[in-house]
PDB file of N, CA and C in Angstrom:
ATOM      1  N   UNK A   1       9.826  -4.712  19.975  1.00  0.00           N
ATOM      2  CA  UNK A   1      10.029  -3.504  20.224  1.00  0.00           C
ATOM      3  C   UNK A   1      10.434  -2.848  21.099  1.00  0.00           C
ATOM      4  N   UNK A   2      11.269  -1.910  21.621  1.00  0.00           N
ATOM      5  CA  UNK A   2      11.602  -1.587  22.791  1.00  0.00           C
ATOM      6  C   UNK A   2      10.450   0.185  23.215  1.00  0.00           C
ATOM      7  N   UNK A   3      10.656   0.422  24.529  1.00  0.00           N
ATOM      8  CA  UNK A   3       9.257   1.670  24.114  1.00  0.00           C
ATOM      9  C   UNK A   3      10.138   2.699  23.769  1.00  0.00           C
ATOM     10  N   UNK A   4       9.073   3.919  23.166  1.00  0.00           N
ATOM     11  CA  UNK A   4      10.201   4.858  22.562  1.00  0.00           C
ATOM     12  C   UNK A   4      10.438   4.695  20.874  1.00  0.00           C
ATOM     13  N   UNK A   5      10.915   3.365  20.616  1.00  0.00           N
ATOM     14  CA  UNK A   5      11.086   3.109  19.129  1.00  0.00           C
ATOM     15  C   UNK A   5      10.236   3.188  18.069  1.00  0.00           C
ATOM     16  N   UNK A   6      10.962   3.804  17.017  1.00  0.00           N
ATOM     17  CA  UNK A   6       9.787   4.448  16.088  1.00  0.00           C
ATOM     18  C   UNK A   6       9.232   2.717  15.468  1.00  0.00           C
ATOM     19  N   UNK A   7       7.895   2.883  15.203  1.00  0.00           N
ATOM     20  CA  UNK A   7       7.482   1.583  14.409  1.00  0.00           C
ATOM     21  C   UNK A   7       7.912   2.010  13.118  1.00  0.00           C
ATOM     22  N   UNK A   8       7.990   0.330  12.916  1.00  0.00           N
ATOM     23  CA  UNK A   8       8.521   0.398  11.442  1.00  0.00           C
ATOM     24  C   UNK A   8       7.268   0.671  10.190  1.00  0.00           C
ATOM     25  N   UNK A   9       7.592   0.784   9.158  1.00  0.00           N
ATOM     26  CA  UNK A   9       6.361   1.191   8.224  1.00  0.00           C
ATOM     27  C   UNK A   9       6.770   0.137   6.889  1.00  0.00           C
ATOM     28  N   UNK A  10       5.750   0.306   6.163  1.00  0.00           N
ATOM     29  CA  UNK A  10       5.863  -0.721   4.970  1.00  0.00           C
ATOM     30  C   UNK A  10       6.162  -0.074   3.765  1.00  0.00           C
ATOM     31  N   UNK A  11       6.704   1.369   3.705  1.00  0.00           N
ATOM     32  CA  UNK A  11       7.188   2.285   3.046  1.00  0.00           C
ATOM     33  C   UNK A  11       8.465   2.853   3.055  1.00  0.00           C
ATOM     34  N   UNK A  12       9.390   3.172   1.806  1.00  0.00           N
ATOM     35  CA  UNK A  12      10.375   3.980   1.998  1.00  0.00           C
ATOM     36  C   UNK A  12      10.515   4.864   0.876  1.00  0.00           C
ATOM     37  N   UNK A  13      11.339   5.910   0.841  1.00  0.00           N
ATOM     38  CA  UNK A  13      11.451   7.215  -0.064  1.00  0.00           C
ATOM     39  C   UNK A  13      12.661   6.620  -0.958  1.00  0.00           C
ATOM     40  N   UNK A  14      12.078   6.298  -2.603  1.00  0.00           N
ATOM     41  CA  UNK A  14      12.755   6.068  -3.029  1.00  0.00           C
ATOM     42  C   UNK A  14      13.253   7.617  -4.426  1.00  0.00           C
ATOM     43  N   UNK A  15      14.142   7.161  -5.349  1.00  0.00           N
ATOM     44  CA  UNK A  15      14.494   8.169  -6.349  1.00  0.00           C
ATOM     45  C   UNK A  15      13.603   9.185  -6.304  1.00  0.00           C
ATOM     46  N   UNK A  16      12.299   8.823  -7.120  1.00  0.00           N
ATOM     47  CA  UNK A  16      11.519   9.843  -7.644  1.00  0.00           C
ATOM     48  C   UNK A  16       9.898   9.373  -6.986  1.00  0.00           C
ATOM     49  N   UNK A  17       9.630   8.955  -5.683  1.00  0.00           N
ATOM     50  CA  UNK A  17       8.794   9.018  -5.216  1.00  0.00           C
ATOM     51  C   UNK A  17       8.918   7.811  -3.635  1.00  0.00           C
ATOM     52  N   UNK A  18       8.006   7.048  -3.810  1.00  0.00           N
ATOM     53  CA  UNK A  18       7.937   5.985  -2.248  1.00  0.00           C
ATOM     54  C   UNK A  18       7.533   4.780  -2.899  1.00  0.00           C
ATOM     55  N   UNK A  19       8.155   3.725  -2.271  1.00  0.00           N
ATOM     56  CA  UNK A  19       7.922   2.066  -2.551  1.00  0.00           C
ATOM     57  C   UNK A  19       7.024   1.499  -1.428  1.00  0.00           C
ATOM     58  N   UNK A  20       5.956   0.904  -1.535  1.00  0.00           N
ATOM     59  CA  UNK A  20       5.083   0.492  -0.674  1.00  0.00           C
ATOM     60  C   UNK A  20       4.985  -0.883  -0.652  1.00  0.00           C
ATOM     61  N   UNK A  21       5.087  -1.919   0.352  1.00  0.00           N
ATOM     62  CA  UNK A  21       4.585  -3.118   0.484  1.00  0.00           C
ATOM     63  C   UNK A  21       3.623  -3.242   0.982  1.00  0.00           C
ATOM     64  N   UNK A  22       2.693  -4.158   0.375  1.00  0.00           N
ATOM     65  CA  UNK A  22       1.519  -4.222   0.764  1.00  0.00           C
ATOM     66  C   UNK A  22       0.779  -5.820   0.759  1.00  0.00           C
ATOM     67  N   UNK A  23      -0.192  -6.194   1.584  1.00  0.00           N
ATOM     68  CA  UNK A  23      -0.627  -6.953   1.396  1.00  0.00           C
ATOM     69  C   UNK A  23      -2.126  -7.468   0.886  1.00  0.00           C
ATOM     70  N   UNK A  24      -2.551  -7.950  -0.171  1.00  0.00           N
ATOM     71  CA  UNK A  24      -3.924  -7.117  -0.834  1.00  0.00           C
ATOM     72  C   UNK A  24      -4.722  -8.702  -0.658  1.00  0.00           C
ATOM     73  N   UNK A  25      -6.041  -8.353  -0.078  1.00  0.00           N
ATOM     74  CA  UNK A  25      -7.121  -9.300   0.178  1.00  0.00           C
ATOM     75  C   UNK A  25      -8.116  -8.988  -1.029  1.00  0.00           C
ATOM     76  N   UNK A  26      -8.282 -10.054  -1.851  1.00  0.00           N
ATOM     77  CA  UNK A  26      -9.094  -9.901  -2.994  1.00  0.00           C
ATOM     78  C   UNK A  26     -10.368 -10.269  -2.491  1.00  0.00           C
ATOM     79  N   UNK A  27     -11.615  -9.863  -3.108  1.00  0.00           N
ATOM     80  CA  UNK A  27     -13.271 -10.482  -2.896  1.00  0.00           C
ATOM     81  C   UNK A  27     -13.098 -10.243  -0.845  1.00  0.00           C
ATOM     82  N   UNK A  28     -12.896  -9.001  -0.919  1.00  0.00           N
ATOM     83  CA  UNK A  28     -12.972  -8.533   0.526  1.00  0.00           C
ATOM     84  C   UNK A  28     -13.906  -8.174   1.404  1.00  0.00           C
ATOM     85  N   UNK A  29     -15.003  -7.872   0.369  1.00  0.00           N
ATOM     86  CA  UNK A  29     -16.225  -7.361   0.983  1.00  0.00           C
ATOM     87  C   UNK A  29     -16.253  -5.315   0.694  1.00  0.00           C
ATOM     88  N   UNK A  30     -15.472  -5.162   0.333  1.00  0.00           N
ATOM     89  CA  UNK A  30     -15.436  -3.587   0.317  1.00  0.00           C
ATOM     90  C   UNK A  30     -13.714  -2.975  -0.384  1.00  0.00           C
ATOM     91  N   UNK A  31     -13.831  -2.200  -0.675  1.00  0.00           N
ATOM     92  CA  UNK A  31     -12.389  -1.792  -0.842  1.00  0.00           C
ATOM     93  C   UNK A  31     -12.019  -0.615   0.249  1.00  0.00           C
ATOM     94  N   UNK A  32     -10.928  -0.977   0.338  1.00  0.00           N
ATOM     95  CA  UNK A  32     -10.561  -0.247   1.778  1.00  0.00           C
ATOM     96  C   UNK A  32      -8.709  -0.684   2.207  1.00  0.00           C
ATOM     97  N   UNK A  33      -8.523   0.254   3.302  1.00  0.00           N
ATOM     98  CA  UNK A  33      -7.022   0.499   3.519  1.00  0.00           C
ATOM     99  C   UNK A  33      -7.294  -0.013   5.246  1.00  0.00           C
ATOM    100  N   UNK A  34      -6.644  -0.978   5.229  1.00  0.00           N
ATOM    101  CA  UNK A  34      -6.754  -1.257   6.685  1.00  0.00           C
ATOM    102  C   UNK A  34      -6.104  -1.194   7.803  1.00  0.00           C
ATOM    103  N   UNK A  35      -4.821  -0.336   7.558  1.00  0.00           N
ATOM    104  CA  UNK A  35      -3.166  -0.115   8.239  1.00  0.00           C
ATOM    105  C   UNK A  35      -2.640  -1.011   8.253  1.00  0.00           C
ATOM    106  N   UNK A  36      -1.794  -1.082   9.351  1.00  0.00           N
ATOM    107  CA  UNK A  36      -0.229  -1.708   8.925  1.00  0.00           C
ATOM    108  C   UNK A  36      -0.338  -3.130  10.037  1.00  0.00           C
ATOM    109  N   UNK A  37       0.443  -4.001   8.940  1.00  0.00           N
ATOM    110  CA  UNK A  37       0.564  -5.381   9.994  1.00  0.00           C
ATOM    111  C   UNK A  37       1.825  -5.456  10.117  1.00  0.00           C
ATOM    112  N   UNK A  38       2.265  -6.548  10.555  1.00  0.00           N
ATOM    113  CA  UNK A  38       3.576  -7.157  11.012  1.00  0.00           C
ATOM    114  C   UNK A  38       3.713  -7.962  10.684  1.00  0.00           C
ATOM    115  N   UNK A  39       4.234  -9.053   9.454  1.00  0.00           N
ATOM    116  CA  UNK A  39       3.785  -9.906   9.068  1.00  0.00           C
ATOM    117  C   UNK A  39       4.966 -11.366  10.318  1.00  0.00           C
ATOM    118  N   UNK A  40       4.362 -12.602  10.347  1.00  0.00           N
ATOM    119  CA  UNK A  40       5.585 -13.198  10.769  1.00  0.00           C
ATOM    120  C   UNK A  40       7.032 -13.183  10.980  1.00  0.00           C
ATOM    121  N   UNK A  41       7.312 -12.558   9.338  1.00  0.00           N
ATOM    122  CA  UNK A  41       8.574 -12.880   9.567  1.00  0.00           C
ATOM    123  C   UNK A  41       9.001 -11.363   9.767  1.00  0.00           C
ATOM    124  N   UNK A  42       8.397 -10.676  10.165  1.00  0.00           N
ATOM    125  CA  UNK A  42       8.898  -9.176  11.015  1.00  0.00           C
ATOM    126  C   UNK A  42       8.779  -7.824   9.886  1.00  0.00           C
ATOM    127  N   UNK A  43       8.351  -8.307   8.850  1.00  0.00           N
ATOM    128  CA  UNK A  43       7.893  -7.096   7.463  1.00  0.00           C
ATOM    129  C   UNK A  43       6.753  -6.382   7.848  1.00  0.00           C
ATOM    130  N   UNK A  44       6.675  -5.271   8.071  1.00  0.00           N
ATOM    131  CA  UNK A  44       5.344  -4.349   7.797  1.00  0.00           C
ATOM    132  C   UNK A  44       5.067  -4.394   6.423  1.00  0.00           C
ATOM    133  N   UNK A  45       3.446  -4.172   6.204  1.00  0.00           N
ATOM    134  CA  UNK A  45       2.756  -4.105   4.975  1.00  0.00           C
ATOM    135  C   UNK A  45       1.370  -3.447   5.605  1.00  0.00           C
ATOM    136  N   UNK A  46       1.335  -2.934   4.363  1.00  0.00           N
ATOM    137  CA  UNK A  46       0.049  -1.911   4.472  1.00  0.00           C
ATOM    138  C   UNK A  46      -1.155  -2.903   3.951  1.00  0.00           C
ATOM    139  N   UNK A  47      -2.142  -3.172   4.753  1.00  0.00           N
ATOM    140  CA  UNK A  47      -3.319  -3.856   4.313  1.00  0.00           C
ATOM    141  C   UNK A  47      -4.193  -3.310   3.660  1.00  0.00           C
ATOM    142  N   UNK A  48      -4.763  -3.921   2.718  1.00  0.00           N
ATOM    143  CA  UNK A  48      -5.295  -3.515   1.503  1.00  0.00           C
ATOM    144  C   UNK A  48      -6.424  -4.492   0.910  1.00  0.00           C
ATOM    145  N   UNK A  49      -7.626  -4.026   1.088  1.00  0.00           N
ATOM    146  CA  UNK A  49      -8.915  -5.340   0.497  1.00  0.00           C
ATOM    147  C   UNK A  49      -9.751  -4.414  -0.471  1.00  0.00           C
ATOM    148  N   UNK A  50      -9.938  -5.267  -1.688  1.00  0.00           N
ATOM    149  CA  UNK A  50     -10.815  -4.794  -2.594  1.00  0.00           C
ATOM    150  C   UNK A  50     -11.941  -5.736  -2.745  1.00  0.00           C
ATOM    151  N   UNK A  51     -12.957  -5.391  -3.400  1.00  0.00           N
ATOM    152  CA  UNK A  51     -14.581  -5.840  -3.727  1.00  0.00           C
ATOM    153  C   UNK A  51     -13.970  -7.162  -4.891  1.00  0.00           C
ATOM    154  N   UNK A  52     -13.372  -7.024  -5.369  1.00  0.00           N
ATOM    155  CA  UNK A  52     -13.335  -7.879  -6.982  1.00  0.00           C
ATOM    156  C   UNK A  52     -12.030  -8.719  -6.775  1.00  0.00           C
ATOM    157  N   UNK A  53     -12.616 -10.397  -7.839  1.00  0.00           N
ATOM    158  CA  UNK A  53     -11.910 -11.273  -7.610  1.00  0.00           C
ATOM    159  C   UNK A  53     -10.346 -11.469  -8.425  1.00  0.00           C
ATOM    160  N   UNK A  54      -9.624 -11.966  -7.961  1.00  0.00           N
ATOM    161  CA  UNK A  54      -8.485 -11.848  -8.795  1.00  0.00           C
ATOM    162  C   UNK A  54      -8.571 -12.198  -9.698  1.00  0.00           C
ATOM    163  N   UNK A  55      -9.424 -11.862 -10.917  1.00  0.00           N
ATOM    164  CA  UNK A  55      -8.896 -12.511 -12.367  1.00  0.00           C
ATOM    165  C   UNK A  55      -8.639 -11.379 -13.390  1.00  0.00           C
ATOM    166  N   UNK A  56      -7.715 -11.652 -14.036  1.00  0.00           N
ATOM    167  CA  UNK A  56      -6.962 -11.465 -15.106  1.00  0.00           C
ATOM    168  C   UNK A  56      -6.686 -10.094 -15.013  1.00  0.00           C
ATOM    169  N   UNK A  57      -6.262  -9.827 -13.304  1.00  0.00           N
ATOM    170  CA  UNK A  57      -5.569  -8.543 -12.865  1.00  0.00           C
ATOM    171  C   UNK A  57      -6.490  -7.368 -12.360  1.00  0.00           C
ATOM    172  N   UNK A  58      -8.062  -7.730 -12.378  1.00  0.00           N
ATOM    173  CA  UNK A  58      -9.127  -7.011 -11.813  1.00  0.00           C
ATOM    174  C   UNK A  58      -8.521  -6.593  -9.987  1.00  0.00           C
ATOM    175  N   UNK A  59      -7.982  -7.438  -9.502  1.00  0.00           N
ATOM    176  CA  UNK A  59      -7.619  -6.951  -8.293  1.00  0.00           C
ATOM    177  C   UNK A  59      -7.244  -6.169  -8.294  1.00  0.00           C
ATOM    178  N   UNK A  60      -5.271  -6.290  -9.080  1.00  0.00           N
ATOM    179  CA  UNK A  60      -4.568  -5.386  -8.906  1.00  0.00           C
ATOM    180  C   UNK A  60      -4.896  -3.827  -9.611  1.00  0.00           C
ATOM    181  N   UNK A  61      -5.816  -4.066 -10.634  1.00  0.00           N
ATOM    182  CA  UNK A  61      -6.068  -2.474 -10.833  1.00  0.00           C
ATOM    183  C   UNK A  61      -7.069  -2.200  -9.722  1.00  0.00           C
ATOM    184  N   UNK A  62      -7.917  -2.675  -9.159  1.00  0.00           N
ATOM    185  CA  UNK A  62      -8.892  -2.188  -8.138  1.00  0.00           C
ATOM    186  C   UNK A  62      -7.801  -1.791  -7.001  1.00  0.00           C
ATOM    187  N   UNK A  63      -6.758  -2.190  -6.508  1.00  0.00           N
ATOM    188  CA  UNK A  63      -5.791  -1.950  -5.687  1.00  0.00           C
ATOM    189  C   UNK A  63      -5.414  -0.820  -5.915  1.00  0.00           C
ATOM    190  N   UNK A  64      -4.666  -0.531  -7.410  1.00  0.00           N
ATOM    191  CA  UNK A  64      -3.923   0.843  -7.837  1.00  0.00           C
ATOM    192  C   UNK A  64      -4.837   1.943  -7.854  1.00  0.00           C
ATOM    193  N   UNK A  65      -6.454   1.862  -8.353  1.00  0.00           N
ATOM    194  CA  UNK A  65      -7.404   2.588  -7.881  1.00  0.00           C
ATOM    195  C   UNK A  65      -7.494   3.292  -6.738  1.00  0.00           C
ATOM    196  N   UNK A  66      -7.495   2.436  -5.685  1.00  0.00           N
ATOM    197  CA  UNK A  66      -8.100   2.359  -4.061  1.00  0.00           C
ATOM    198  C   UNK A  66      -6.654   3.550  -3.428  1.00  0.00           C
ATOM    199  N   UNK A  67      -5.502   3.232  -3.522  1.00  0.00           N
ATOM    200  CA  UNK A  67      -4.724   3.659  -3.332  1.00  0.00           C
ATOM    201  C   UNK A  67      -4.602   5.312  -3.850  1.00  0.00           C
ATOM    202  N   UNK A  68      -4.580   5.377  -5.300  1.00  0.00           N
ATOM    203  CA  UNK A  68      -4.680   6.540  -6.010  1.00  0.00           C
ATOM    204  C   UNK A  68      -5.865   7.659  -5.315  1.00  0.00           C
ATOM    205  N   UNK A  69      -7.091   6.841  -4.968  1.00  0.00           N
ATOM    206  CA  UNK A  69      -8.192   7.465  -4.150  1.00  0.00           C
ATOM    207  C   UNK A  69      -7.827   7.972  -2.866  1.00  0.00           C
ATOM    208  N   UNK A  70      -7.700   6.960  -2.197  1.00  0.00           N
ATOM    209  CA  UNK A  70      -7.163   7.262  -0.742  1.00  0.00           C
ATOM    210  C   UNK A  70      -6.101   8.325  -0.584  1.00  0.00           C
ATOM    211  N   UNK A  71      -4.871   8.304  -1.439  1.00  0.00           N
ATOM    212  CA  UNK A  71      -3.764   9.206  -1.098  1.00  0.00           C
ATOM    213  C   UNK A  71      -4.163  10.739  -1.785  1.00  0.00           C
ATOM    214  N   UNK A  72      -5.099  10.918  -2.988  1.00  0.00           N
ATOM    215  CA  UNK A  72      -5.554  11.759  -3.534  1.00  0.00           C
ATOM    216  C   UNK A  72      -4.087  12.434  -4.343  1.00  0.00           C
ATOM    217  N   UNK A  73      -4.285  11.333  -5.322  1.00  0.00           N
ATOM    218  CA  UNK A  73      -2.921  11.299  -6.135  1.00  0.00           C
ATOM    219  C   UNK A  73      -3.621  10.918  -7.591  1.00  0.00           C
ATOM    220  N   UNK A  74      -3.016  11.091  -8.468  1.00  0.00           N
ATOM    221  CA  UNK A  74      -3.653  10.848  -9.750  1.00  0.00           C
ATOM    222  C   UNK A  74      -3.312   9.520 -10.195  1.00  0.00           C
ATOM    223  N   UNK A  75      -4.246   8.496 -11.041  1.00  0.00           N
ATOM    224  CA  UNK A  75      -3.871   7.030 -11.036  1.00  0.00           C
ATOM    225  C   UNK A  75      -3.011   6.595 -11.912  1.00  0.00           C
ATOM    226  N   UNK A  76      -2.266   7.851 -12.417  1.00  0.00           N
ATOM    227  CA  UNK A  76      -1.077   7.313 -13.489  1.00  0.00           C
ATOM    228  C   UNK A  76       0.066   6.905 -12.607  1.00  0.00           C
ATOM    229  N   UNK A  77       0.170   8.043 -11.228  1.00  0.00           N
ATOM    230  CA  UNK A  77       0.980   7.890 -10.177  1.00  0.00           C
ATOM    231  C   UNK A  77       1.345   6.618  -9.460  1.00  0.00           C
ATOM    232  N   UNK A  78       0.152   5.755  -9.469  1.00  0.00           N
ATOM    233  CA  UNK A  78       0.566   4.773  -8.799  1.00  0.00           C
ATOM    234  C   UNK A  78       0.594   3.326  -9.788  1.00  0.00           C
ATOM    235  N   UNK A  79       1.631   2.289  -9.771  1.00  0.00           N
ATOM    236  CA  UNK A  79       2.178   1.189 -10.698  1.00  0.00           C
ATOM    237  C   UNK A  79       2.885  -0.101 -10.018  1.00  0.00           C
ATOM    238  N   UNK A  80       1.961  -1.162 -10.114  1.00  0.00           N
ATOM    239  CA  UNK A  80       2.506  -2.327  -9.809  1.00  0.00           C
ATOM    240  C   UNK A  80       4.027  -2.569 -10.114  1.00  0.00           C
ATOM    241  N   UNK A  81       4.947  -2.542  -8.841  1.00  0.00           N
ATOM    242  CA  UNK A  81       6.119  -3.028  -9.313  1.00  0.00           C
ATOM    243  C   UNK A  81       6.388  -4.404  -9.292  1.00  0.00           C
ATOM    244  N   UNK A  82       5.801  -5.183  -8.207  1.00  0.00           N
ATOM    245  CA  UNK A  82       6.178  -6.700  -8.193  1.00  0.00           C
ATOM    246  C   UNK A  82       4.825  -7.244  -7.463  1.00  0.00           C
ATOM    247  N   UNK A  83       4.578  -8.586  -7.587  1.00  0.00           N
ATOM    248  CA  UNK A  83       3.993  -9.317  -6.962  1.00  0.00           C
ATOM    249  C   UNK A  83       2.388  -9.396  -7.693  1.00  0.00           C
ATOM    250  N   UNK A  84       2.464  -9.146  -8.678  1.00  0.00           N
ATOM    251  CA  UNK A  84       0.992  -9.314  -9.858  1.00  0.00           C
ATOM    252  C   UNK A  84       0.256 -10.706  -9.393  1.00  0.00           C
ATOM    253  N   UNK A  85       0.624 -11.519  -9.311  1.00  0.00           N
ATOM    254  CA  UNK A  85       0.260 -12.641  -8.891  1.00  0.00           C
ATOM    255  C   UNK A  85       0.219 -13.160  -7.265  1.00  0.00           C
ATOM    256  N   UNK A  86       0.616 -12.332  -6.343  1.00  0.00           N
ATOM    257  CA  UNK A  86       0.867 -13.066  -5.122  1.00  0.00           C
ATOM    258  C   UNK A  86       0.029 -12.175  -4.225  1.00  0.00           C
ATOM    259  N   UNK A  87      -0.112 -12.342  -3.019  1.00  0.00           N
ATOM    260  CA  UNK A  87      -1.078 -11.496  -1.858  1.00  0.00           C
ATOM    261  C   UNK A  87       0.030 -10.158  -1.629  1.00  0.00           C
ATOM    262  N   UNK A  88       1.288 -10.464  -1.362  1.00  0.00           N
ATOM    263  CA  UNK A  88       2.015  -9.209  -0.971  1.00  0.00           C
ATOM    264  C   UNK A  88       2.747  -8.713  -1.972  1.00  0.00           C
ATOM    265  N   UNK A  89       2.640  -7.543  -2.152  1.00  0.00           N
ATOM    266  CA  UNK A  89       2.669  -6.756  -3.397  1.00  0.00           C
ATOM    267  C   UNK A  89       3.641  -5.825  -3.123  1.00  0.00           C
ATOM    268  N   UNK A  90       4.494  -4.877  -4.578  1.00  0.00           N
ATOM    269  CA  UNK A  90       5.089  -3.388  -4.128  1.00  0.00           C
ATOM    270  C   UNK A  90       4.543  -2.871  -5.173  1.00  0.00           C
ATOM    271  N   UNK A  91       4.228  -1.395  -4.722  1.00  0.00           N
ATOM    272  CA  UNK A  91       3.612  -0.768  -5.580  1.00  0.00           C
ATOM    273  C   UNK A  91       4.705   0.752  -5.228  1.00  0.00           C
ATOM    274  N   UNK A  92       4.895   1.723  -6.449  1.00  0.00           N
ATOM    275  CA  UNK A  92       5.575   2.610  -7.040  1.00  0.00           C
ATOM    276  C   UNK A  92       4.676   3.618  -6.886  1.00  0.00           C
ATOM    277  N   UNK A  93       4.819   4.630  -5.864  1.00  0.00           N
ATOM    278  CA  UNK A  93       4.245   5.879  -6.346  1.00  0.00           C
ATOM    279  C   UNK A  93       5.045   6.989  -6.407  1.00  0.00           C
ATOM    280  N   UNK A  94       4.664   7.769  -7.520  1.00  0.00           N
ATOM    281  CA  UNK A  94       5.404   8.456  -8.208  1.00  0.00           C
ATOM    282  C   UNK A  94       5.144   9.710  -7.675  1.00  0.00           C
ATOM    283  N   UNK A  95       6.225  10.690  -7.244  1.00  0.00           N
ATOM    284  CA  UNK A  95       5.659  12.217  -6.995  1.00  0.00           C
ATOM    285  C   UNK A  95       6.687  12.598  -5.555  1.00  0.00           C
ATOM    286  N   UNK A  96       6.716  13.690  -4.990  1.00  0.00           N
ATOM    287  CA  UNK A  96       7.067  13.864  -4.034  1.00  0.00           C
ATOM    288  C   UNK A  96       7.084  12.897  -2.704  1.00  0.00           C
ATOM    289  N   UNK A  97       8.179  12.600  -2.314  1.00  0.00           N
ATOM    290  CA  UNK A  97       8.323  11.838  -1.124  1.00  0.00           C
ATOM    291  C   UNK A  97       7.712  12.013  -0.101  1.00  0.00           C
ATOM    292  N   UNK A  98       7.684  13.283   0.597  1.00  0.00           N
ATOM    293  CA  UNK A  98       7.769  14.345   1.974  1.00  0.00           C
ATOM    294  C   UNK A  98       5.946  14.107   1.853  1.00  0.00           C
ATOM    295  N   UNK A  99       5.314  14.272   0.688  1.00  0.00           N
ATOM    296  CA  UNK A  99       3.964  14.350   0.378  1.00  0.00           C
ATOM    297  C   UNK A  99       3.187  13.055   0.610  1.00  0.00           C
ATOM    298  N   UNK A 100       3.767  12.260  -0.279  1.00  0.00           N
ATOM    299  CA  UNK A 100       3.566  10.694  -0.429  1.00  0.00           C
ATOM    300  C   UNK A 100       3.569  10.078   1.106  1.00  0.00           C
ATOM    301  N   UNK A 101       4.280  10.038   1.517  1.00  0.00           N
ATOM    302  CA  UNK A 101       4.449   9.620   3.101  1.00  0.00           C
ATOM    303  C   UNK A 101       3.878  10.501   3.899  1.00  0.00           C
ATOM    304  N   UNK A 102       3.409  11.540   3.917  1.00  0.00           N
ATOM    305  CA  UNK A 102       2.559  12.300   5.140  1.00  0.00           C
ATOM    306  C   UNK A 102       1.277  11.795   4.411  1.00  0.00           C
ATOM    307  N   UNK A 103       0.890  11.283   3.173  1.00  0.00           N
ATOM    308  CA  UNK A 103      -0.720  10.912   2.720  1.00  0.00           C
ATOM    309  C   UNK A 103      -0.677   9.396   3.264  1.00  0.00           C
ATOM    310  N   UNK A 104       0.381   8.508   3.241  1.00  0.00           N
ATOM    311  CA  UNK A 104       0.238   7.239   3.408  1.00  0.00           C
ATOM    312  C   UNK A 104       0.064   6.865   4.985  1.00  0.00           C
ATOM    313  N   UNK A 105       0.852   7.953   6.052  1.00  0.00           N
ATOM    314  CA  UNK A 105       0.321   8.377   7.656  1.00  0.00           C
ATOM    315  C   UNK A 105      -0.605   8.218   7.762  1.00  0.00           C
ATOM    316  N   UNK A 106      -1.589   9.095   7.355  1.00  0.00           N
ATOM    317  CA  UNK A 106      -2.748   9.341   7.241  1.00  0.00           C
ATOM    318  C   UNK A 106      -3.904   8.404   6.652  1.00  0.00           C
ATOM    319  N   UNK A 107      -3.270   7.453   5.904  1.00  0.00           N
ATOM    320  CA  UNK A 107      -4.235   6.710   5.152  1.00  0.00           C
ATOM    321  C   UNK A 107      -4.303   5.539   6.329  1.00  0.00           C
ATOM    322  N   UNK A 108      -3.263   5.613   6.377  1.00  0.00           N
ATOM    323  CA  UNK A 108      -2.866   4.457   7.339  1.00  0.00           C
ATOM    324  C   UNK A 108      -3.192   4.197   9.071  1.00  0.00           C
ATOM    325  N   UNK A 109      -3.328   5.553   8.968  1.00  0.00           N
ATOM    326  CA  UNK A 109      -3.689   5.797  10.633  1.00  0.00           C
ATOM    327  C   UNK A 109      -2.864   5.574  11.596  1.00  0.00           C
ATOM    328  N   UNK A 110      -1.699   5.830  11.068  1.00  0.00           N
ATOM    329  CA  UNK A 110      -0.448   5.514  12.180  1.00  0.00           C
ATOM    330  C   UNK A 110       0.030   7.125  12.749  1.00  0.00           C
ATOM    331  N   UNK A 111       0.893   6.926  13.351  1.00  0.00           N
ATOM    332  CA  UNK A 111       1.750   8.076  13.890  1.00  0.00           C
ATOM    333  C   UNK A 111       1.045   8.845  14.969  1.00  0.00           C
TER     334      UNK A 111
END
């Protein structure tokens, strides 16, 4: 990336909110958002970890609750869009995209 170029982020505004690409680490020792990572393929992802094991969707549920809490939005506004059984997941946040992106920037400690 050239100096002064904007950093790539793992989210984008969509029609009624924001779509976020995440890499989830279950059994991570604590529930936390760990910033942004650029994968080997160049794709940026928001790193998250949860304490629970990936059994019967428990890790996905914990991830959605973590995001809602970290972003200060209702849990009903956070939904898993894809990647239910994969480490890389796509999550849909419903609401004002400008407000959601500002919360993501603060949560991910970027900018």
